C-alpha atoms as a PDB file:
ATOM      1  CA  UNK A   1       8.170  -6.912   3.169  1.00  0.00           C
ATOM      2  CA  UNK A   2       9.236 -10.149   4.717  1.00  0.00           C
ATOM      3  CA  UNK A   3       7.510 -11.164   7.910  1.00  0.00           C
ATOM      4  CA  UNK A   4       9.515 -11.608  11.105  1.00  0.00           C
ATOM      5  CA  UNK A   5       9.940 -15.139  12.419  1.00  0.00           C
ATOM      6  CA  UNK A   6       6.946 -16.209  14.416  1.00  0.00           C
ATOM      7  CA  UNK A   7       4.545 -13.803  12.665  1.00  0.00           C
ATOM      8  CA  UNK A   8       0.942 -14.845  13.087  1.00  0.00           C
ATOM      9  CA  UNK A   9      -1.987 -13.612  11.082  1.00  0.00           C
ATOM     10  CA  UNK A  10      -5.429 -13.362  12.603  1.00  0.00           C
ATOM     11  CA  UNK A  11      -7.161 -14.645   9.475  1.00  0.00           C
ATOM     12  CA  UNK A  12      -4.617 -17.180   8.207  1.00  0.00           C
ATOM     13  CA  UNK A  13      -2.321 -16.948   5.227  1.00  0.00           C
ATOM     14  CA  UNK A  14      -3.198 -16.202   1.625  1.00  0.00           C
ATOM     15  CA  UNK A  15      -2.112 -18.899  -0.745  1.00  0.00           C
ATOM     16  CA  UNK A  16      -1.856 -18.919  -4.487  1.00  0.00           C
ATOM     17  CA  UNK A  17      -3.236 -22.162  -5.754  1.00  0.00           C
ATOM     18  CA  UNK A  18      -3.427 -23.610  -9.227  1.00  0.00           C
ATOM     19  CA  UNK A  19      -6.755 -25.118  -8.108  1.00  0.00           C
ATOM     20  CA  UNK A  20      -8.240 -21.666  -8.630  1.00  0.00           C
ATOM     21  CA  UNK A  21      -6.382 -20.833 -11.830  1.00  0.00           C
ATOM     22  CA  UNK A  22      -3.591 -18.926 -10.084  1.00  0.00           C
ATOM     23  CA  UNK A  23       0.158 -19.210 -10.353  1.00  0.00           C
ATOM     24  CA  UNK A  24       2.649 -19.309  -7.514  1.00  0.00           C
ATOM     25  CA  UNK A  25       5.125 -16.448  -7.391  1.00  0.00           C
ATOM     26  CA  UNK A  26       7.926 -18.849  -8.301  1.00  0.00           C
ATOM     27  CA  UNK A  27       6.115 -19.910 -11.487  1.00  0.00           C
ATOM     28  CA  UNK A  28       5.420 -16.281 -12.397  1.00  0.00           C
ATOM     29  CA  UNK A  29       9.119 -15.493 -11.998  1.00  0.00           C
ATOM     30  CA  UNK A  30      10.118 -18.479 -14.159  1.00  0.00           C
ATOM     31  CA  UNK A  31       7.684 -17.409 -16.884  1.00  0.00           C
ATOM     32  CA  UNK A  32       8.999 -13.842 -16.806  1.00  0.00           C
ATOM     33  CA  UNK A  33      12.590 -15.140 -16.995  1.00  0.00           C
ATOM     34  CA  UNK A  34      11.742 -17.041 -20.186  1.00  0.00           C
ATOM     35  CA  UNK A  35      10.505 -13.765 -21.652  1.00  0.00           C
ATOM     36  CA  UNK A  36      13.732 -12.010 -20.634  1.00  0.00           C
ATOM     37  CA  UNK A  37      12.475 -10.205 -17.514  1.00  0.00           C
ATOM     38  CA  UNK A  38      14.412 -11.311 -14.458  1.00  0.00           C
ATOM     39  CA  UNK A  39      12.918 -10.564 -11.038  1.00  0.00           C
ATOM     40  CA  UNK A  40      13.023 -12.345  -7.701  1.00  0.00           C
ATOM     41  CA  UNK A  41      10.131 -14.123  -6.030  1.00  0.00           C
ATOM     42  CA  UNK A  42      10.036 -11.506  -3.283  1.00  0.00           C
ATOM     43  CA  UNK A  43       9.825  -8.760  -5.907  1.00  0.00           C
ATOM     44  CA  UNK A  44       6.865 -10.521  -7.544  1.00  0.00           C
ATOM     45  CA  UNK A  45       5.169 -10.754  -4.155  1.00  0.00           C
ATOM     46  CA  UNK A  46       5.912  -7.113  -3.326  1.00  0.00           C
ATOM     47  CA  UNK A  47       4.549  -5.919  -6.677  1.00  0.00           C
ATOM     48  CA  UNK A  48       1.366  -7.909  -6.109  1.00  0.00           C
ATOM     49  CA  UNK A  49       0.952  -6.516  -2.593  1.00  0.00           C
ATOM     50  CA  UNK A  50       1.612  -2.988  -3.829  1.00  0.00           C
ATOM     51  CA  UNK A  51      -1.175  -3.346  -6.412  1.00  0.00           C
ATOM     52  CA  UNK A  52      -3.507  -4.754  -3.755  1.00  0.00           C
ATOM     53  CA  UNK A  53      -2.657  -1.836  -1.472  1.00  0.00           C
ATOM     54  CA  UNK A  54      -3.755   0.630  -4.152  1.00  0.00           C
ATOM     55  CA  UNK A  55      -7.140  -1.072  -4.367  1.00  0.00           C
ATOM     56  CA  UNK A  56      -7.402  -1.401  -0.584  1.00  0.00           C
ATOM     57  CA  UNK A  57      -6.564   2.300  -0.133  1.00  0.00           C
ATOM     58  CA  UNK A  58      -9.492   3.375  -2.290  1.00  0.00           C
ATOM     59  CA  UNK A  59     -11.822   1.002  -0.455  1.00  0.00           C
ATOM     60  CA  UNK A  60     -10.623   2.307   2.917  1.00  0.00           C
ATOM     61  CA  UNK A  61     -11.243   5.883   1.779  1.00  0.00           C
ATOM     62  CA  UNK A  62     -14.756   4.930   0.643  1.00  0.00           C
ATOM     63  CA  UNK A  63     -15.376   3.400   4.071  1.00  0.00           C
ATOM     64  CA  UNK A  64     -14.262   6.602   5.805  1.00  0.00           C
ATOM     65  CA  UNK A  65     -11.022   5.396   7.369  1.00  0.00           C
ATOM     66  CA  UNK A  66      -9.314   8.094   9.438  1.00  0.00           C
ATOM     67  CA  UNK A  67      -6.527   9.767   7.429  1.00  0.00           C
ATOM     68  CA  UNK A  68      -3.965   9.158  10.199  1.00  0.00           C
ATOM     69  CA  UNK A  69      -4.672   5.403  10.122  1.00  0.00           C
ATOM     70  CA  UNK A  70      -5.035   5.097   6.346  1.00  0.00           C
ATOM     71  CA  UNK A  71      -1.596   3.689   5.481  1.00  0.00           C
ATOM     72  CA  UNK A  72      -1.620   1.197   8.352  1.00  0.00           C
ATOM     73  CA  UNK A  73      -5.159   0.058   7.579  1.00  0.00           C
ATOM     74  CA  UNK A  74      -4.457  -0.175   3.844  1.00  0.00           C
ATOM     75  CA  UNK A  75      -1.472  -2.448   4.483  1.00  0.00           C
ATOM     76  CA  UNK A  76      -3.468  -4.603   6.910  1.00  0.00           C
ATOM     77  CA  UNK A  77      -6.299  -5.034   4.405  1.00  0.00           C
ATOM     78  CA  UNK A  78      -3.932  -5.848   1.519  1.00  0.00           C
ATOM     79  CA  UNK A  79      -2.297  -8.626   3.571  1.00  0.00           C
ATOM     80  CA  UNK A  80      -5.612 -10.145   4.629  1.00  0.00           C
ATOM     81  CA  UNK A  81      -6.178 -13.453   2.796  1.00  0.00           C
ATOM     82  CA  UNK A  82      -9.927 -12.817   2.668  1.00  0.00           C
ATOM     83  CA  UNK A  83      -9.328  -9.588   0.753  1.00  0.00           C
ATOM     84  CA  UNK A  84      -6.859 -11.299  -1.581  1.00  0.00           C
ATOM     85  CA  UNK A  85      -9.301 -14.126  -2.258  1.00  0.00           C
ATOM     86  CA  UNK A  86     -12.126 -11.679  -2.946  1.00  0.00           C
ATOM     87  CA  UNK A  87      -9.948  -9.750  -5.406  1.00  0.00           C
ATOM     88  CA  UNK A  88      -9.020 -13.004  -7.175  1.00  0.00           C
ATOM     89  CA  UNK A  89     -12.706 -13.966  -7.378  1.00  0.00           C
ATOM     90  CA  UNK A  90     -13.608 -10.539  -8.748  1.00  0.00           C
ATOM     91  CA  UNK A  91     -10.924 -10.728 -11.429  1.00  0.00           C
ATOM     92  CA  UNK A  92     -12.152 -14.215 -12.347  1.00  0.00           C
ATOM     93  CA  UNK A  93     -15.719 -12.922 -12.664  1.00  0.00           C
ATOM     94  CA  UNK A  94     -14.602 -10.053 -14.897  1.00  0.00           C
ATOM     95  CA  UNK A  95     -12.592 -12.401 -17.117  1.00  0.00           C
ATOM     96  CA  UNK A  96     -15.527 -14.834 -17.366  1.00  0.00           C
ATOM     97  CA  UNK A  97     -17.865 -11.988 -18.329  1.00  0.00           C
ATOM     98  CA  UNK A  98     -15.450 -10.804 -21.018  1.00  0.00           C
ATOM     99  CA  UNK A  99     -15.113 -14.328 -22.396  1.00  0.00           C
ATOM    100  CA  UNK A 100     -18.883 -14.765 -22.436  1.00  0.00           C
ATOM    101  CA  UNK A 101     -19.363 -11.379 -24.111  1.00  0.00           C
ATOM    102  CA  UNK A 102     -16.768 -12.108 -26.825  1.00  0.00           C
ATOM    103  CA  UNK A 103     -18.552 -15.367 -27.732  1.00  0.00           C
ATOM    104  CA  UNK A 104     -21.788 -13.519 -28.494  1.00  0.00           C
END
């Protein structure tokens, strides 16, 4: 799923930053390699995007996206940095709630 040279995104680029508790794809790959699972950085990215597409597909269906446009719209949403950031925030909220609940 590499982007052609000169690709521009309307809403910027999604970045994975350790400032928000995330890991870059390269670091994920290095960690997996230590555990004996060898994958490439592009494979890590593609797996992440594939998971995001599954979530985006369900959201698009809930919003009534036309069936003929569903795959295209799902891919567009999954690539959108705003969607990726919102999913990261949601996962962080769920983890924080679990941590808080386990302390009680």
